[in-house]
PDB file of N, CA and C in Angstrom:
ATOM      1  N   UNK A   1       0.839  -1.117  -0.004  1.00  0.00           N
ATOM      2  CA  UNK A   1       0.115  -0.061  -0.032  1.00  0.00           C
ATOM      3  C   UNK A   1       0.865   1.185  -0.035  1.00  0.00           C
ATOM      4  N   UNK A   2       0.515   2.224  -0.893  1.00  0.00           N
ATOM      5  CA  UNK A   2       1.451   3.405  -0.954  1.00  0.00           C
ATOM      6  C   UNK A   2       1.010   4.439   0.290  1.00  0.00           C
ATOM      7  N   UNK A   3       1.889   5.314   0.476  1.00  0.00           N
ATOM      8  CA  UNK A   3       1.690   6.168   1.729  1.00  0.00           C
ATOM      9  C   UNK A   3       0.448   6.995   1.600  1.00  0.00           C
ATOM     10  N   UNK A   4       0.151   7.521   0.393  1.00  0.00           N
ATOM     11  CA  UNK A   4      -1.021   8.332   0.186  1.00  0.00           C
ATOM     12  C   UNK A   4      -2.318   7.483   0.557  1.00  0.00           C
ATOM     13  N   UNK A   5      -2.387   6.321   0.044  1.00  0.00           N
ATOM     14  CA  UNK A   5      -3.635   5.478   0.375  1.00  0.00           C
ATOM     15  C   UNK A   5      -3.756   5.173   1.799  1.00  0.00           C
ATOM     16  N   UNK A   6      -2.538   4.918   2.473  1.00  0.00           N
ATOM     17  CA  UNK A   6      -2.531   4.628   3.907  1.00  0.00           C
ATOM     18  C   UNK A   6      -3.069   5.775   4.654  1.00  0.00           C
ATOM     19  N   UNK A   7      -2.514   7.173   4.307  1.00  0.00           N
ATOM     20  CA  UNK A   7      -3.017   8.249   4.961  1.00  0.00           C
ATOM     21  C   UNK A   7      -4.474   8.450   4.885  1.00  0.00           C
ATOM     22  N   UNK A   8      -5.053   8.203   3.615  1.00  0.00           N
ATOM     23  CA  UNK A   8      -6.361   8.464   3.369  1.00  0.00           C
ATOM     24  C   UNK A   8      -7.271   7.438   4.217  1.00  0.00           C
ATOM     25  N   UNK A   9      -6.809   6.187   4.218  1.00  0.00           N
ATOM     26  CA  UNK A   9      -7.406   5.249   5.036  1.00  0.00           C
ATOM     27  C   UNK A   9      -7.452   5.565   6.507  1.00  0.00           C
ATOM     28  N   UNK A  10      -6.235   5.932   6.973  1.00  0.00           N
ATOM     29  CA  UNK A  10      -6.240   6.333   8.440  1.00  0.00           C
ATOM     30  C   UNK A  10      -7.179   7.529   8.672  1.00  0.00           C
ATOM     31  N   UNK A  11      -7.167   8.476   7.896  1.00  0.00           N
ATOM     32  CA  UNK A  11      -8.081   9.782   8.018  1.00  0.00           C
ATOM     33  C   UNK A  11      -9.440   9.218   8.114  1.00  0.00           C
ATOM     34  N   UNK A  12      -9.822   8.251   7.116  1.00  0.00           N
ATOM     35  CA  UNK A  12     -11.286   7.843   7.113  1.00  0.00           C
ATOM     36  C   UNK A  12     -11.596   7.075   8.421  1.00  0.00           C
ATOM     37  N   UNK A  13     -10.699   6.244   8.861  1.00  0.00           N
ATOM     38  CA  UNK A  13     -10.847   5.641  10.151  1.00  0.00           C
ATOM     39  C   UNK A  13     -10.979   6.607  11.347  1.00  0.00           C
ATOM     40  N   UNK A  14     -10.306   7.628  11.248  1.00  0.00           N
ATOM     41  CA  UNK A  14     -10.394   8.607  12.364  1.00  0.00           C
ATOM     42  C   UNK A  14     -11.649   9.444  12.381  1.00  0.00           C
ATOM     43  N   UNK A  15     -12.098   9.719  11.063  1.00  0.00           N
ATOM     44  CA  UNK A  15     -13.465  10.322  10.956  1.00  0.00           C
ATOM     45  C   UNK A  15     -14.601   9.403  11.390  1.00  0.00           C
ATOM     46  N   UNK A  16     -14.473   8.120  11.060  1.00  0.00           N
ATOM     47  CA  UNK A  16     -15.472   7.087  11.561  1.00  0.00           C
ATOM     48  C   UNK A  16     -15.481   7.063  12.992  1.00  0.00           C
ATOM     49  N   UNK A  17     -14.324   7.081  13.712  1.00  0.00           N
ATOM     50  CA  UNK A  17     -14.275   7.037  15.120  1.00  0.00           C
ATOM     51  C   UNK A  17     -14.942   8.197  15.698  1.00  0.00           C
ATOM     52  N   UNK A  18     -14.550   9.417  15.223  1.00  0.00           N
ATOM     53  CA  UNK A  18     -15.151  10.693  15.849  1.00  0.00           C
ATOM     54  C   UNK A  18     -16.706  10.655  15.639  1.00  0.00           C
ATOM     55  N   UNK A  19     -17.160  10.199  14.411  1.00  0.00           N
ATOM     56  CA  UNK A  19     -18.562  10.128  14.109  1.00  0.00           C
ATOM     57  C   UNK A  19     -19.231   9.174  15.062  1.00  0.00           C
ATOM     58  N   UNK A  20     -18.579   8.063  15.269  1.00  0.00           N
ATOM     59  CA  UNK A  20     -19.243   7.190  16.167  1.00  0.00           C
ATOM     60  C   UNK A  20     -19.411   7.673  17.562  1.00  0.00           C
ATOM     61  N   UNK A  21     -18.358   8.355  18.132  1.00  0.00           N
ATOM     62  CA  UNK A  21     -18.428   8.856  19.490  1.00  0.00           C
ATOM     63  C   UNK A  21     -19.314  10.112  19.551  1.00  0.00           C
ATOM     64  N   UNK A  22     -19.443  10.794  18.478  1.00  0.00           N
ATOM     65  CA  UNK A  22     -20.176  12.066  18.421  1.00  0.00           C
ATOM     66  C   UNK A  22     -21.672  11.868  18.111  1.00  0.00           C
ATOM     67  N   UNK A  23     -21.930  11.040  17.304  1.00  0.00           N
ATOM     68  CA  UNK A  23     -23.277  10.821  16.702  1.00  0.00           C
ATOM     69  C   UNK A  23     -23.896   9.574  17.250  1.00  0.00           C
ATOM     70  N   UNK A  24     -23.134   8.290  17.084  1.00  0.00           N
ATOM     71  CA  UNK A  24     -23.815   7.239  17.404  1.00  0.00           C
ATOM     72  C   UNK A  24     -23.705   6.831  18.947  1.00  0.00           C
ATOM     73  N   UNK A  25     -22.750   7.272  19.599  1.00  0.00           N
ATOM     74  CA  UNK A  25     -22.694   6.903  21.072  1.00  0.00           C
ATOM     75  C   UNK A  25     -22.177   8.070  21.924  1.00  0.00           C
ATOM     76  N   UNK A  26     -22.893   9.272  21.842  1.00  0.00           N
ATOM     77  CA  UNK A  26     -22.547  10.378  22.709  1.00  0.00           C
ATOM     78  C   UNK A  26     -22.764  10.164  24.104  1.00  0.00           C
ATOM     79  N   UNK A  27     -23.526   9.103  24.495  1.00  0.00           N
ATOM     80  CA  UNK A  27     -23.789   8.804  25.937  1.00  0.00           C
ATOM     81  C   UNK A  27     -22.528   8.101  26.556  1.00  0.00           C
ATOM     82  N   UNK A  28     -21.625   7.731  25.793  1.00  0.00           N
ATOM     83  CA  UNK A  28     -20.369   7.001  26.259  1.00  0.00           C
ATOM     84  C   UNK A  28     -19.600   8.083  26.976  1.00  0.00           C
ATOM     85  N   UNK A  29     -19.341   8.014  28.247  1.00  0.00           N
ATOM     86  CA  UNK A  29     -18.525   8.991  29.002  1.00  0.00           C
ATOM     87  C   UNK A  29     -17.150   8.938  28.874  1.00  0.00           C
ATOM     88  N   UNK A  30     -16.545  10.117  28.785  1.00  0.00           N
ATOM     89  CA  UNK A  30     -15.041  10.157  28.636  1.00  0.00           C
ATOM     90  C   UNK A  30     -14.445   9.550  29.824  1.00  0.00           C
ATOM     91  N   UNK A  31     -14.937   9.534  30.997  1.00  0.00           N
ATOM     92  CA  UNK A  31     -14.241   8.762  32.170  1.00  0.00           C
ATOM     93  C   UNK A  31     -14.353   7.294  31.915  1.00  0.00           C
ATOM     94  N   UNK A  32     -15.348   6.764  31.209  1.00  0.00           N
ATOM     95  CA  UNK A  32     -15.364   5.266  30.897  1.00  0.00           C
ATOM     96  C   UNK A  32     -14.267   5.017  29.780  1.00  0.00           C
ATOM     97  N   UNK A  33     -14.221   5.932  28.777  1.00  0.00           N
ATOM     98  CA  UNK A  33     -13.269   5.687  27.809  1.00  0.00           C
ATOM     99  C   UNK A  33     -11.830   5.682  28.376  1.00  0.00           C
ATOM    100  N   UNK A  34     -11.657   6.764  29.280  1.00  0.00           N
ATOM    101  CA  UNK A  34     -10.351   6.676  29.763  1.00  0.00           C
ATOM    102  C   UNK A  34     -10.016   5.521  30.678  1.00  0.00           C
ATOM    103  N   UNK A  35     -10.917   5.150  31.583  1.00  0.00           N
ATOM    104  CA  UNK A  35     -10.746   4.021  32.609  1.00  0.00           C
ATOM    105  C   UNK A  35     -10.458   2.787  31.859  1.00  0.00           C
ATOM    106  N   UNK A  36     -11.223   2.423  30.662  1.00  0.00           N
ATOM    107  CA  UNK A  36     -11.150   1.257  29.930  1.00  0.00           C
ATOM    108  C   UNK A  36     -10.056   1.266  28.700  1.00  0.00           C
ATOM    109  N   UNK A  37     -10.033   2.354  28.130  1.00  0.00           N
ATOM    110  CA  UNK A  37      -9.200   2.374  26.853  1.00  0.00           C
ATOM    111  C   UNK A  37      -7.877   3.258  27.126  1.00  0.00           C
ATOM    112  N   UNK A  38      -7.783   4.018  28.152  1.00  0.00           N
ATOM    113  CA  UNK A  38      -6.547   4.946  28.405  1.00  0.00           C
ATOM    114  C   UNK A  38      -6.663   6.148  27.480  1.00  0.00           C
ATOM    115  N   UNK A  39      -7.724   6.516  26.922  1.00  0.00           N
ATOM    116  CA  UNK A  39      -7.845   7.723  26.134  1.00  0.00           C
ATOM    117  C   UNK A  39      -9.330   8.191  26.142  1.00  0.00           C
ATOM    118  N   UNK A  40      -9.572   9.323  25.767  1.00  0.00           N
ATOM    119  CA  UNK A  40     -10.953   9.858  25.689  1.00  0.00           C
ATOM    120  C   UNK A  40     -11.078  10.802  24.520  1.00  0.00           C
ATOM    121  N   UNK A  41     -12.169  11.560  24.443  1.00  0.00           N
ATOM    122  CA  UNK A  41     -12.339  12.537  23.450  1.00  0.00           C
ATOM    123  C   UNK A  41     -11.451  13.709  23.594  1.00  0.00           C
ATOM    124  N   UNK A  42     -11.088  14.096  24.853  1.00  0.00           N
ATOM    125  CA  UNK A  42     -10.157  15.090  24.983  1.00  0.00           C
ATOM    126  C   UNK A  42      -8.680  14.647  24.592  1.00  0.00           C
ATOM    127  N   UNK A  43      -8.425  13.352  24.668  1.00  0.00           N
ATOM    128  CA  UNK A  43      -7.141  12.955  24.179  1.00  0.00           C
ATOM    129  C   UNK A  43      -7.153  13.140  22.634  1.00  0.00           C
ATOM    130  N   UNK A  44      -8.246  12.633  21.974  1.00  0.00           N
ATOM    131  CA  UNK A  44      -8.371  12.682  20.558  1.00  0.00           C
ATOM    132  C   UNK A  44      -8.098  14.262  20.067  1.00  0.00           C
ATOM    133  N   UNK A  45      -8.790  15.094  20.779  1.00  0.00           N
ATOM    134  CA  UNK A  45      -8.631  16.501  20.396  1.00  0.00           C
ATOM    135  C   UNK A  45      -7.156  16.999  20.602  1.00  0.00           C
ATOM    136  N   UNK A  46      -6.546  16.552  21.619  1.00  0.00           N
ATOM    137  CA  UNK A  46      -5.205  16.963  21.936  1.00  0.00           C
ATOM    138  C   UNK A  46      -4.236  16.509  20.898  1.00  0.00           C
ATOM    139  N   UNK A  47      -4.407  15.135  20.402  1.00  0.00           N
ATOM    140  CA  UNK A  47      -3.642  14.545  19.436  1.00  0.00           C
ATOM    141  C   UNK A  47      -3.880  15.283  18.085  1.00  0.00           C
ATOM    142  N   UNK A  48      -5.156  15.774  17.806  1.00  0.00           N
ATOM    143  CA  UNK A  48      -5.382  16.410  16.642  1.00  0.00           C
ATOM    144  C   UNK A  48      -4.705  17.744  16.607  1.00  0.00           C
ATOM    145  N   UNK A  49      -4.662  18.546  17.818  1.00  0.00           N
ATOM    146  CA  UNK A  49      -4.046  19.768  17.906  1.00  0.00           C
ATOM    147  C   UNK A  49      -2.499  19.632  17.756  1.00  0.00           C
ATOM    148  N   UNK A  50      -1.939  18.524  18.378  1.00  0.00           N
ATOM    149  CA  UNK A  50      -0.495  18.251  18.250  1.00  0.00           C
ATOM    150  C   UNK A  50      -0.204  18.020  16.879  1.00  0.00           C
ATOM    151  N   UNK A  51      -0.897  17.309  16.066  1.00  0.00           N
ATOM    152  CA  UNK A  51      -0.690  16.961  14.677  1.00  0.00           C
ATOM    153  C   UNK A  51      -0.739  18.270  13.823  1.00  0.00           C
ATOM    154  N   UNK A  52      -1.747  19.057  14.100  1.00  0.00           N
ATOM    155  CA  UNK A  52      -1.766  20.405  13.406  1.00  0.00           C
ATOM    156  C   UNK A  52      -0.478  21.150  13.742  1.00  0.00           C
ATOM    157  N   UNK A  53      -0.007  21.258  14.987  1.00  0.00           N
ATOM    158  CA  UNK A  53       1.093  21.918  15.210  1.00  0.00           C
ATOM    159  C   UNK A  53       2.402  21.446  14.417  1.00  0.00           C
ATOM    160  N   UNK A  54       2.456  20.007  14.349  1.00  0.00           N
ATOM    161  CA  UNK A  54       3.539  19.463  13.664  1.00  0.00           C
ATOM    162  C   UNK A  54       3.653  19.924  12.229  1.00  0.00           C
ATOM    163  N   UNK A  55       2.493  20.424  11.725  1.00  0.00           N
ATOM    164  CA  UNK A  55       2.390  20.912  10.295  1.00  0.00           C
ATOM    165  C   UNK A  55       2.343  22.338  10.184  1.00  0.00           C
ATOM    166  N   UNK A  56       2.765  22.998  11.409  1.00  0.00           N
ATOM    167  CA  UNK A  56       2.808  24.440  11.373  1.00  0.00           C
ATOM    168  C   UNK A  56       1.365  25.154  11.476  1.00  0.00           C
ATOM    169  N   UNK A  57       0.389  24.367  11.849  1.00  0.00           N
ATOM    170  CA  UNK A  57      -0.943  24.968  11.945  1.00  0.00           C
ATOM    171  C   UNK A  57      -1.334  25.238  13.328  1.00  0.00           C
ATOM    172  N   UNK A  58      -1.634  26.605  13.605  1.00  0.00           N
ATOM    173  CA  UNK A  58      -2.042  26.826  14.997  1.00  0.00           C
ATOM    174  C   UNK A  58      -3.458  26.531  15.227  1.00  0.00           C
ATOM    175  N   UNK A  59      -3.764  25.731  16.130  1.00  0.00           N
ATOM    176  CA  UNK A  59      -5.201  25.293  16.580  1.00  0.00           C
ATOM    177  C   UNK A  59      -5.271  25.341  17.910  1.00  0.00           C
ATOM    178  N   UNK A  60      -6.252  26.036  18.412  1.00  0.00           N
ATOM    179  CA  UNK A  60      -6.486  26.319  19.849  1.00  0.00           C
ATOM    180  C   UNK A  60      -7.051  24.916  20.393  1.00  0.00           C
ATOM    181  N   UNK A  61      -6.972  24.743  21.673  1.00  0.00           N
ATOM    182  CA  UNK A  61      -7.555  23.613  22.434  1.00  0.00           C
ATOM    183  C   UNK A  61      -9.056  23.506  22.164  1.00  0.00           C
ATOM    184  N   UNK A  62      -9.720  24.712  22.260  1.00  0.00           N
ATOM    185  CA  UNK A  62     -11.126  24.881  22.061  1.00  0.00           C
ATOM    186  C   UNK A  62     -11.581  24.411  20.682  1.00  0.00           C
ATOM    187  N   UNK A  63     -10.814  24.870  19.629  1.00  0.00           N
ATOM    188  CA  UNK A  63     -11.054  24.610  18.309  1.00  0.00           C
ATOM    189  C   UNK A  63     -10.861  23.140  17.991  1.00  0.00           C
ATOM    190  N   UNK A  64      -9.854  22.520  18.646  1.00  0.00           N
ATOM    191  CA  UNK A  64      -9.488  21.052  18.320  1.00  0.00           C
ATOM    192  C   UNK A  64     -10.691  20.257  19.023  1.00  0.00           C
ATOM    193  N   UNK A  65     -11.127  20.675  20.244  1.00  0.00           N
ATOM    194  CA  UNK A  65     -12.331  19.905  20.819  1.00  0.00           C
ATOM    195  C   UNK A  65     -13.512  20.120  20.079  1.00  0.00           C
ATOM    196  N   UNK A  66     -13.730  21.243  19.527  1.00  0.00           N
ATOM    197  CA  UNK A  66     -14.930  21.349  18.594  1.00  0.00           C
ATOM    198  C   UNK A  66     -14.978  20.418  17.508  1.00  0.00           C
ATOM    199  N   UNK A  67     -13.842  20.085  16.964  1.00  0.00           N
ATOM    200  CA  UNK A  67     -13.730  19.251  15.879  1.00  0.00           C
ATOM    201  C   UNK A  67     -14.087  17.846  16.338  1.00  0.00           C
ATOM    202  N   UNK A  68     -13.679  17.473  17.424  1.00  0.00           N
ATOM    203  CA  UNK A  68     -13.848  16.080  17.953  1.00  0.00           C
ATOM    204  C   UNK A  68     -15.198  15.986  18.627  1.00  0.00           C
ATOM    205  N   UNK A  69     -15.749  16.874  19.268  1.00  0.00           N
ATOM    206  CA  UNK A  69     -16.995  16.942  19.932  1.00  0.00           C
ATOM    207  C   UNK A  69     -18.219  17.355  18.940  1.00  0.00           C
ATOM    208  N   UNK A  70     -17.867  17.971  17.828  1.00  0.00           N
ATOM    209  CA  UNK A  70     -18.859  18.405  16.946  1.00  0.00           C
ATOM    210  C   UNK A  70     -19.704  19.657  17.418  1.00  0.00           C
ATOM    211  N   UNK A  71     -19.258  20.135  18.481  1.00  0.00           N
ATOM    212  CA  UNK A  71     -19.911  21.355  19.106  1.00  0.00           C
ATOM    213  C   UNK A  71     -18.894  21.956  20.142  1.00  0.00           C
ATOM    214  N   UNK A  72     -19.130  23.125  20.600  1.00  0.00           N
ATOM    215  CA  UNK A  72     -18.250  23.483  21.687  1.00  0.00           C
ATOM    216  C   UNK A  72     -18.246  22.613  22.867  1.00  0.00           C
ATOM    217  N   UNK A  73     -17.132  22.478  23.497  1.00  0.00           N
ATOM    218  CA  UNK A  73     -16.935  21.443  24.494  1.00  0.00           C
ATOM    219  C   UNK A  73     -18.078  21.659  25.695  1.00  0.00           C
ATOM    220  N   UNK A  74     -18.194  22.912  25.960  1.00  0.00           N
ATOM    221  CA  UNK A  74     -19.231  23.299  27.086  1.00  0.00           C
ATOM    222  C   UNK A  74     -20.608  22.779  26.707  1.00  0.00           C
ATOM    223  N   UNK A  75     -21.007  22.897  25.424  1.00  0.00           N
ATOM    224  CA  UNK A  75     -22.339  22.482  24.882  1.00  0.00           C
ATOM    225  C   UNK A  75     -22.372  20.890  25.197  1.00  0.00           C
ATOM    226  N   UNK A  76     -21.250  20.238  24.766  1.00  0.00           N
ATOM    227  CA  UNK A  76     -21.310  18.761  24.909  1.00  0.00           C
ATOM    228  C   UNK A  76     -21.404  18.279  26.284  1.00  0.00           C
ATOM    229  N   UNK A  77     -20.726  18.825  27.210  1.00  0.00           N
ATOM    230  CA  UNK A  77     -20.652  18.530  28.670  1.00  0.00           C
ATOM    231  C   UNK A  77     -22.143  18.789  29.059  1.00  0.00           C
ATOM    232  N   UNK A  78     -22.737  19.922  28.803  1.00  0.00           N
ATOM    233  CA  UNK A  78     -24.118  20.207  29.330  1.00  0.00           C
ATOM    234  C   UNK A  78     -25.117  19.239  28.780  1.00  0.00           C
ATOM    235  N   UNK A  79     -24.930  18.642  27.423  1.00  0.00           N
ATOM    236  CA  UNK A  79     -25.846  17.787  26.897  1.00  0.00           C
ATOM    237  C   UNK A  79     -25.728  16.386  27.165  1.00  0.00           C
ATOM    238  N   UNK A  80     -24.363  15.963  27.381  1.00  0.00           N
ATOM    239  CA  UNK A  80     -24.126  14.567  27.472  1.00  0.00           C
ATOM    240  C   UNK A  80     -23.451  14.049  28.772  1.00  0.00           C
ATOM    241  N   UNK A  81     -22.702  14.973  29.393  1.00  0.00           N
ATOM    242  CA  UNK A  81     -21.873  14.442  30.507  1.00  0.00           C
ATOM    243  C   UNK A  81     -22.663  14.167  31.845  1.00  0.00           C
ATOM    244  N   UNK A  82     -22.421  13.008  32.429  1.00  0.00           N
ATOM    245  CA  UNK A  82     -23.073  12.651  33.678  1.00  0.00           C
ATOM    246  C   UNK A  82     -22.067  12.698  34.831  1.00  0.00           C
ATOM    247  N   UNK A  83     -22.698  12.572  36.049  1.00  0.00           N
ATOM    248  CA  UNK A  83     -21.773  12.462  37.218  1.00  0.00           C
ATOM    249  C   UNK A  83     -21.009  11.098  37.215  1.00  0.00           C
ATOM    250  N   UNK A  84     -19.940  10.978  38.064  1.00  0.00           N
ATOM    251  CA  UNK A  84     -19.231   9.753  38.106  1.00  0.00           C
ATOM    252  C   UNK A  84     -18.951   9.509  39.666  1.00  0.00           C
ATOM    253  N   UNK A  85     -19.238   8.307  40.111  1.00  0.00           N
ATOM    254  CA  UNK A  85     -19.117   7.938  41.469  1.00  0.00           C
ATOM    255  C   UNK A  85     -17.573   7.925  41.922  1.00  0.00           C
ATOM    256  N   UNK A  86     -17.396   7.824  43.126  1.00  0.00           N
ATOM    257  CA  UNK A  86     -16.037   7.794  43.691  1.00  0.00           C
ATOM    258  C   UNK A  86     -15.138   6.739  43.102  1.00  0.00           C
ATOM    259  N   UNK A  87     -15.667   5.632  42.874  1.00  0.00           N
ATOM    260  CA  UNK A  87     -14.762   4.590  42.265  1.00  0.00           C
ATOM    261  C   UNK A  87     -14.329   4.928  40.811  1.00  0.00           C
ATOM    262  N   UNK A  88     -15.287   5.476  40.066  1.00  0.00           N
ATOM    263  CA  UNK A  88     -14.826   5.830  38.714  1.00  0.00           C
ATOM    264  C   UNK A  88     -13.908   6.945  38.726  1.00  0.00           C
ATOM    265  N   UNK A  89     -14.068   7.892  39.590  1.00  0.00           N
ATOM    266  CA  UNK A  89     -13.125   9.088  39.705  1.00  0.00           C
ATOM    267  C   UNK A  89     -11.814   8.529  40.014  1.00  0.00           C
ATOM    268  N   UNK A  90     -11.687   7.641  40.947  1.00  0.00           N
ATOM    269  CA  UNK A  90     -10.281   7.105  41.441  1.00  0.00           C
ATOM    270  C   UNK A  90      -9.708   6.283  40.239  1.00  0.00           C
ATOM    271  N   UNK A  91     -10.457   5.467  39.587  1.00  0.00           N
ATOM    272  CA  UNK A  91      -9.941   4.858  38.379  1.00  0.00           C
ATOM    273  C   UNK A  91      -9.558   5.772  37.250  1.00  0.00           C
ATOM    274  N   UNK A  92     -10.254   6.970  37.176  1.00  0.00           N
ATOM    275  CA  UNK A  92      -9.952   7.866  36.152  1.00  0.00           C
ATOM    276  C   UNK A  92      -8.405   8.518  36.521  1.00  0.00           C
ATOM    277  N   UNK A  93      -8.352   8.991  37.849  1.00  0.00           N
ATOM    278  CA  UNK A  93      -7.031   9.460  38.135  1.00  0.00           C
ATOM    279  C   UNK A  93      -5.961   8.583  37.974  1.00  0.00           C
ATOM    280  N   UNK A  94      -6.120   7.247  38.190  1.00  0.00           N
ATOM    281  CA  UNK A  94      -5.033   6.295  38.001  1.00  0.00           C
ATOM    282  C   UNK A  94      -4.805   6.163  36.416  1.00  0.00           C
ATOM    283  N   UNK A  95      -5.805   6.037  35.606  1.00  0.00           N
ATOM    284  CA  UNK A  95      -5.723   5.933  34.213  1.00  0.00           C
ATOM    285  C   UNK A  95      -5.114   7.165  33.510  1.00  0.00           C
ATOM    286  N   UNK A  96      -5.504   8.330  33.995  1.00  0.00           N
ATOM    287  CA  UNK A  96      -5.020   9.638  33.497  1.00  0.00           C
ATOM    288  C   UNK A  96      -3.530   9.688  33.798  1.00  0.00           C
ATOM    289  N   UNK A  97      -3.119   9.354  35.020  1.00  0.00           N
ATOM    290  CA  UNK A  97      -1.643   9.435  35.363  1.00  0.00           C
ATOM    291  C   UNK A  97      -0.870   8.462  34.583  1.00  0.00           C
ATOM    292  N   UNK A  98      -1.425   7.296  34.239  1.00  0.00           N
ATOM    293  CA  UNK A  98      -0.652   6.279  33.421  1.00  0.00           C
ATOM    294  C   UNK A  98      -0.652   6.617  32.000  1.00  0.00           C
ATOM    295  N   UNK A  99      -1.705   7.282  31.543  1.00  0.00           N
ATOM    296  CA  UNK A  99      -1.879   7.369  30.009  1.00  0.00           C
ATOM    297  C   UNK A  99      -1.485   8.903  29.562  1.00  0.00           C
ATOM    298  N   UNK A 100      -1.903   9.857  30.329  1.00  0.00           N
ATOM    299  CA  UNK A 100      -1.790  11.194  29.943  1.00  0.00           C
ATOM    300  C   UNK A 100      -0.643  11.897  30.773  1.00  0.00           C
ATOM    301  N   UNK A 101      -0.760  11.622  32.043  1.00  0.00           N
ATOM    302  CA  UNK A 101       0.308  12.282  32.870  1.00  0.00           C
ATOM    303  C   UNK A 101       1.722  12.085  32.554  1.00  0.00           C
ATOM    304  N   UNK A 102       1.983  10.973  31.772  1.00  0.00           N
ATOM    305  CA  UNK A 102       3.370  10.700  31.298  1.00  0.00           C
ATOM    306  C   UNK A 102       3.895  11.695  30.381  1.00  0.00           C
ATOM    307  N   UNK A 103       2.965  12.416  29.672  1.00  0.00           N
ATOM    308  CA  UNK A 103       3.403  13.354  28.660  1.00  0.00           C
ATOM    309  C   UNK A 103       3.684  14.646  29.359  1.00  0.00           C
ATOM    310  N   UNK A 104       4.506  15.357  28.694  1.00  0.00           N
ATOM    311  CA  UNK A 104       4.953  16.636  29.486  1.00  0.00           C
ATOM    312  C   UNK A 104       4.829  17.899  28.887  1.00  0.00           C
TER     313      UNK A 104
END
């Protein structure tokens, strides 16, 4: 497979993942994604922002989040985010430290 085709397929897979989380499964909580998968929508938006920066494109945190959430982050939180019990919060702190906290 040539590099251009690989890049196009990777981009399509990313768009499908974002669509899935944004449209098909917005009820899936970020805390559950982080606790089970070690990443969440905020991670995806940060990776997008970092990739833009690597290409010399300035993209704010809020703009990157809006790409991944399909709306301003605060709107998504108001519409979809639910509370988390103490056990989920503790698991999140551990998962965040292991997966995100390592980055500097």
